[in-house]
Amino acid sequence: MLEIRNKKMVITRKAHECFGCLEEIEKGKSVVYVSAKEDEQHKSFHLHEECNKTISRDQWFAGSSLYRGCIKDALKTSEQLRSINISSIDELPFVMTKSNDKVRYRH
C-alpha cells in the first residue's frame, strides 16, 4: 500500500511522466511533487494538478487503489461501463418500482 508522506507544488525543470494518467508533464509546468513510501521503499513522483484533484476528491483512490496509471485505468473502466447496452428491462437482476416519488428496487 502506498503511504503518502509529503506533497508540495513545484515547477518542473524537465519533462516528467504523471503518476496518475501516465501522460507527459512538460518542462516548466506547475505540478504536485509527492514523496511516498511503499513496502519500506521511498518513492517520489509527479502529478498534474488536475490528476491530484481527481485523486483527492475520489474515494476510489484511497488505500490500495492509488498506483501508477490509476487514473488512466479508472477512465478506461468508466468508459467500458458506459458502453454496456442492456436492451431489455427483463435482463436486469432487479425490478424498479416508483412509490411516493422514491425509486425502490425489488429482487
C-alpha atoms as a PDB file:
ATOM      1  CA  MET A   1       0.000   0.000   0.000  1.00  0.00           C
ATOM      2  CA  LEU A   2       1.268   3.438  -0.946  1.00  0.00           C
ATOM      3  CA  GLU A   3       1.651   5.765   2.034  1.00  0.00           C
ATOM      4  CA  ILE A   4       1.846   9.471   1.121  1.00  0.00           C
ATOM      5  CA  ARG A   5       4.456  11.275   3.242  1.00  0.00           C
ATOM      6  CA  ASN A   6       4.505  14.753   1.700  1.00  0.00           C
ATOM      7  CA  LYS A   7       3.004  16.752  -1.180  1.00  0.00           C
ATOM      8  CA  LYS A   8       4.158  20.107  -2.486  1.00  0.00           C
ATOM      9  CA  MET A   9       3.687  22.295  -5.533  1.00  0.00           C
ATOM     10  CA  VAL A  10       6.778  22.616  -7.736  1.00  0.00           C
ATOM     11  CA  ILE A  11       7.727  23.935 -11.170  1.00  0.00           C
ATOM     12  CA  THR A  12       9.316  21.189 -13.270  1.00  0.00           C
ATOM     13  CA  ARG A  13      12.861  21.681 -14.560  1.00  0.00           C
ATOM     14  CA  LYS A  14      12.499  18.863 -17.077  1.00  0.00           C
ATOM     15  CA  ALA A  15       9.737  16.704 -18.552  1.00  0.00           C
ATOM     16  CA  HIS A  16       8.231  14.005 -16.309  1.00  0.00           C
ATOM     17  CA  GLU A  17       5.529  11.368 -16.534  1.00  0.00           C
ATOM     18  CA  CYS A  18       2.376  11.905 -14.471  1.00  0.00           C
ATOM     19  CA  PHE A  19       1.982   9.037 -11.986  1.00  0.00           C
ATOM     20  CA  GLY A  20      -1.817   9.108 -12.289  1.00  0.00           C
ATOM     21  CA  CYS A  21      -2.561   9.404 -16.002  1.00  0.00           C
ATOM     22  CA  LEU A  22       0.846   8.437 -17.469  1.00  0.00           C
ATOM     23  CA  GLU A  23       0.789  11.479 -19.768  1.00  0.00           C
ATOM     24  CA  GLU A  24       3.819  13.730 -20.163  1.00  0.00           C
ATOM     25  CA  ILE A  25       4.273  16.710 -17.876  1.00  0.00           C
ATOM     26  CA  GLU A  26       6.098  19.399 -19.808  1.00  0.00           C
ATOM     27  CA  LYS A  27       9.130  21.286 -18.539  1.00  0.00           C
ATOM     28  CA  GLY A  28       8.210  24.488 -16.662  1.00  0.00           C
ATOM     29  CA  LYS A  29       4.716  23.347 -15.591  1.00  0.00           C
ATOM     30  CA  SER A  30       3.306  23.676 -12.078  1.00  0.00           C
ATOM     31  CA  VAL A  31       2.751  20.169 -10.678  1.00  0.00           C
ATOM     32  CA  VAL A  32       2.353  18.286  -7.413  1.00  0.00           C
ATOM     33  CA  TYR A  33       5.516  16.525  -6.225  1.00  0.00           C
ATOM     34  CA  VAL A  34       4.717  13.570  -3.976  1.00  0.00           C
ATOM     35  CA  SER A  35       7.004  11.746  -1.541  1.00  0.00           C
ATOM     36  CA  ALA A  36       5.670   8.366  -0.515  1.00  0.00           C
ATOM     37  CA  LYS A  37       6.626   5.042   0.988  1.00  0.00           C
ATOM     38  CA  GLU A  38       5.644   1.635  -0.347  1.00  0.00           C
ATOM     39  CA  ASP A  39       6.855  -1.669   1.097  1.00  0.00           C
ATOM     40  CA  GLU A  40       9.530   0.160   3.124  1.00  0.00           C
ATOM     41  CA  GLN A  41      10.871   1.749  -0.084  1.00  0.00           C
ATOM     42  CA  HIS A  42      10.966   5.513  -0.655  1.00  0.00           C
ATOM     43  CA  LYS A  43       9.131   6.597  -3.784  1.00  0.00           C
ATOM     44  CA  SER A  44       8.616  10.015  -5.351  1.00  0.00           C
ATOM     45  CA  PHE A  45       6.557  11.055  -8.346  1.00  0.00           C
ATOM     46  CA  HIS A  46       4.810  13.964 -10.055  1.00  0.00           C
ATOM     47  CA  LEU A  47       1.101  14.556 -10.704  1.00  0.00           C
ATOM     48  CA  HIS A  48      -0.678  17.047 -12.939  1.00  0.00           C
ATOM     49  CA  GLU A  49      -2.667  19.453 -10.748  1.00  0.00           C
ATOM     50  CA  GLU A  50      -5.908  18.083 -12.227  1.00  0.00           C
ATOM     51  CA  CYS A  51      -4.855  14.474 -11.576  1.00  0.00           C
ATOM     52  CA  ASN A  52      -4.059  15.384  -7.968  1.00  0.00           C
ATOM     53  CA  LYS A  53      -7.534  16.944  -7.592  1.00  0.00           C
ATOM     54  CA  THR A  54      -9.157  13.824  -9.055  1.00  0.00           C
ATOM     55  CA  ILE A  55      -7.275  11.558  -6.647  1.00  0.00           C
ATOM     56  CA  SER A  56      -8.002  13.835  -3.670  1.00  0.00           C
ATOM     57  CA  ARG A  57     -11.761  14.043  -4.205  1.00  0.00           C
ATOM     58  CA  ASP A  58     -12.480  10.457  -5.292  1.00  0.00           C
ATOM     59  CA  GLN A  59     -12.637   7.843  -2.517  1.00  0.00           C
ATOM     60  CA  TRP A  60     -11.965   5.081  -5.062  1.00  0.00           C
ATOM     61  CA  PHE A  61      -8.277   6.040  -4.996  1.00  0.00           C
ATOM     62  CA  ALA A  62      -7.983   5.773  -1.200  1.00  0.00           C
ATOM     63  CA  GLY A  63      -5.795   2.981   0.106  1.00  0.00           C
ATOM     64  CA  SER A  64      -4.506   0.399  -2.346  1.00  0.00           C
ATOM     65  CA  SER A  65      -6.243   1.890  -5.394  1.00  0.00           C
ATOM     66  CA  LEU A  66      -3.528   4.544  -5.793  1.00  0.00           C
ATOM     67  CA  TYR A  67      -0.935   3.146  -8.186  1.00  0.00           C
ATOM     68  CA  ARG A  68       0.970   4.142 -11.345  1.00  0.00           C
ATOM     69  CA  GLY A  69      -1.624   4.700 -14.077  1.00  0.00           C
ATOM     70  CA  CYS A  70      -4.635   4.516 -11.740  1.00  0.00           C
ATOM     71  CA  ILE A  71      -6.460   7.472 -13.315  1.00  0.00           C
ATOM     72  CA  LYS A  72      -5.976   6.089 -16.814  1.00  0.00           C
ATOM     73  CA  ASP A  73      -7.346   2.709 -15.658  1.00  0.00           C
ATOM     74  CA  ALA A  74     -10.291   4.342 -13.881  1.00  0.00           C
ATOM     75  CA  LEU A  75     -11.226   6.290 -17.030  1.00  0.00           C
ATOM     76  CA  LYS A  76     -10.957   3.129 -19.132  1.00  0.00           C
ATOM     77  CA  THR A  77     -13.231   1.247 -16.694  1.00  0.00           C
ATOM     78  CA  SER A  78     -15.709   4.125 -16.666  1.00  0.00           C
ATOM     79  CA  GLU A  79     -15.859   4.131 -20.480  1.00  0.00           C
ATOM     80  CA  GLN A  80     -16.408   0.361 -20.501  1.00  0.00           C
ATOM     81  CA  LEU A  81     -19.289   0.694 -18.037  1.00  0.00           C
ATOM     82  CA  ARG A  82     -20.911   3.422 -20.131  1.00  0.00           C
ATOM     83  CA  SER A  83     -20.680   1.223 -23.222  1.00  0.00           C
ATOM     84  CA  ILE A  84     -22.760  -1.585 -21.675  1.00  0.00           C
ATOM     85  CA  ASN A  85     -26.059  -1.766 -23.519  1.00  0.00           C
ATOM     86  CA  ILE A  86     -28.931  -3.520 -21.779  1.00  0.00           C
ATOM     87  CA  SER A  87     -31.629  -3.933 -24.390  1.00  0.00           C
ATOM     88  CA  SER A  88     -34.411  -5.137 -22.121  1.00  0.00           C
ATOM     89  CA  ILE A  89     -35.503  -4.279 -18.593  1.00  0.00           C
ATOM     90  CA  ASP A  90     -36.038  -8.035 -18.126  1.00  0.00           C
ATOM     91  CA  GLU A  91     -32.270  -8.550 -18.274  1.00  0.00           C
ATOM     92  CA  LEU A  92     -31.746  -6.614 -15.040  1.00  0.00           C
ATOM     93  CA  PRO A  93     -31.372  -8.645 -11.822  1.00  0.00           C
ATOM     94  CA  PHE A  94     -33.946  -6.394 -10.107  1.00  0.00           C
ATOM     95  CA  VAL A  95     -37.153  -4.567 -10.942  1.00  0.00           C
ATOM     96  CA  MET A  96     -37.500  -0.835 -10.317  1.00  0.00           C
ATOM     97  CA  THR A  97     -40.753   0.440  -8.855  1.00  0.00           C
ATOM     98  CA  LYS A  98     -41.706   4.005  -8.066  1.00  0.00           C
ATOM     99  CA  SER A  99     -43.587   4.701  -4.863  1.00  0.00           C
ATOM    100  CA  ASN A 100     -44.200   8.158  -3.359  1.00  0.00           C
ATOM    101  CA  ASP A 101     -41.540   9.728  -5.626  1.00  0.00           C
ATOM    102  CA  LYS A 102     -38.919   7.264  -4.397  1.00  0.00           C
ATOM    103  CA  VAL A 103     -37.322   4.618  -6.549  1.00  0.00           C
ATOM    104  CA  ARG A 104     -37.288   1.202  -4.921  1.00  0.00           C
ATOM    105  CA  TYR A 105     -35.597  -1.971  -6.093  1.00  0.00           C
ATOM    106  CA  ARG A 106     -37.101  -5.430  -5.713  1.00  0.00           C
ATOM    107  CA  HIS A 107     -35.129  -8.624  -6.304  1.00  0.00           C
END
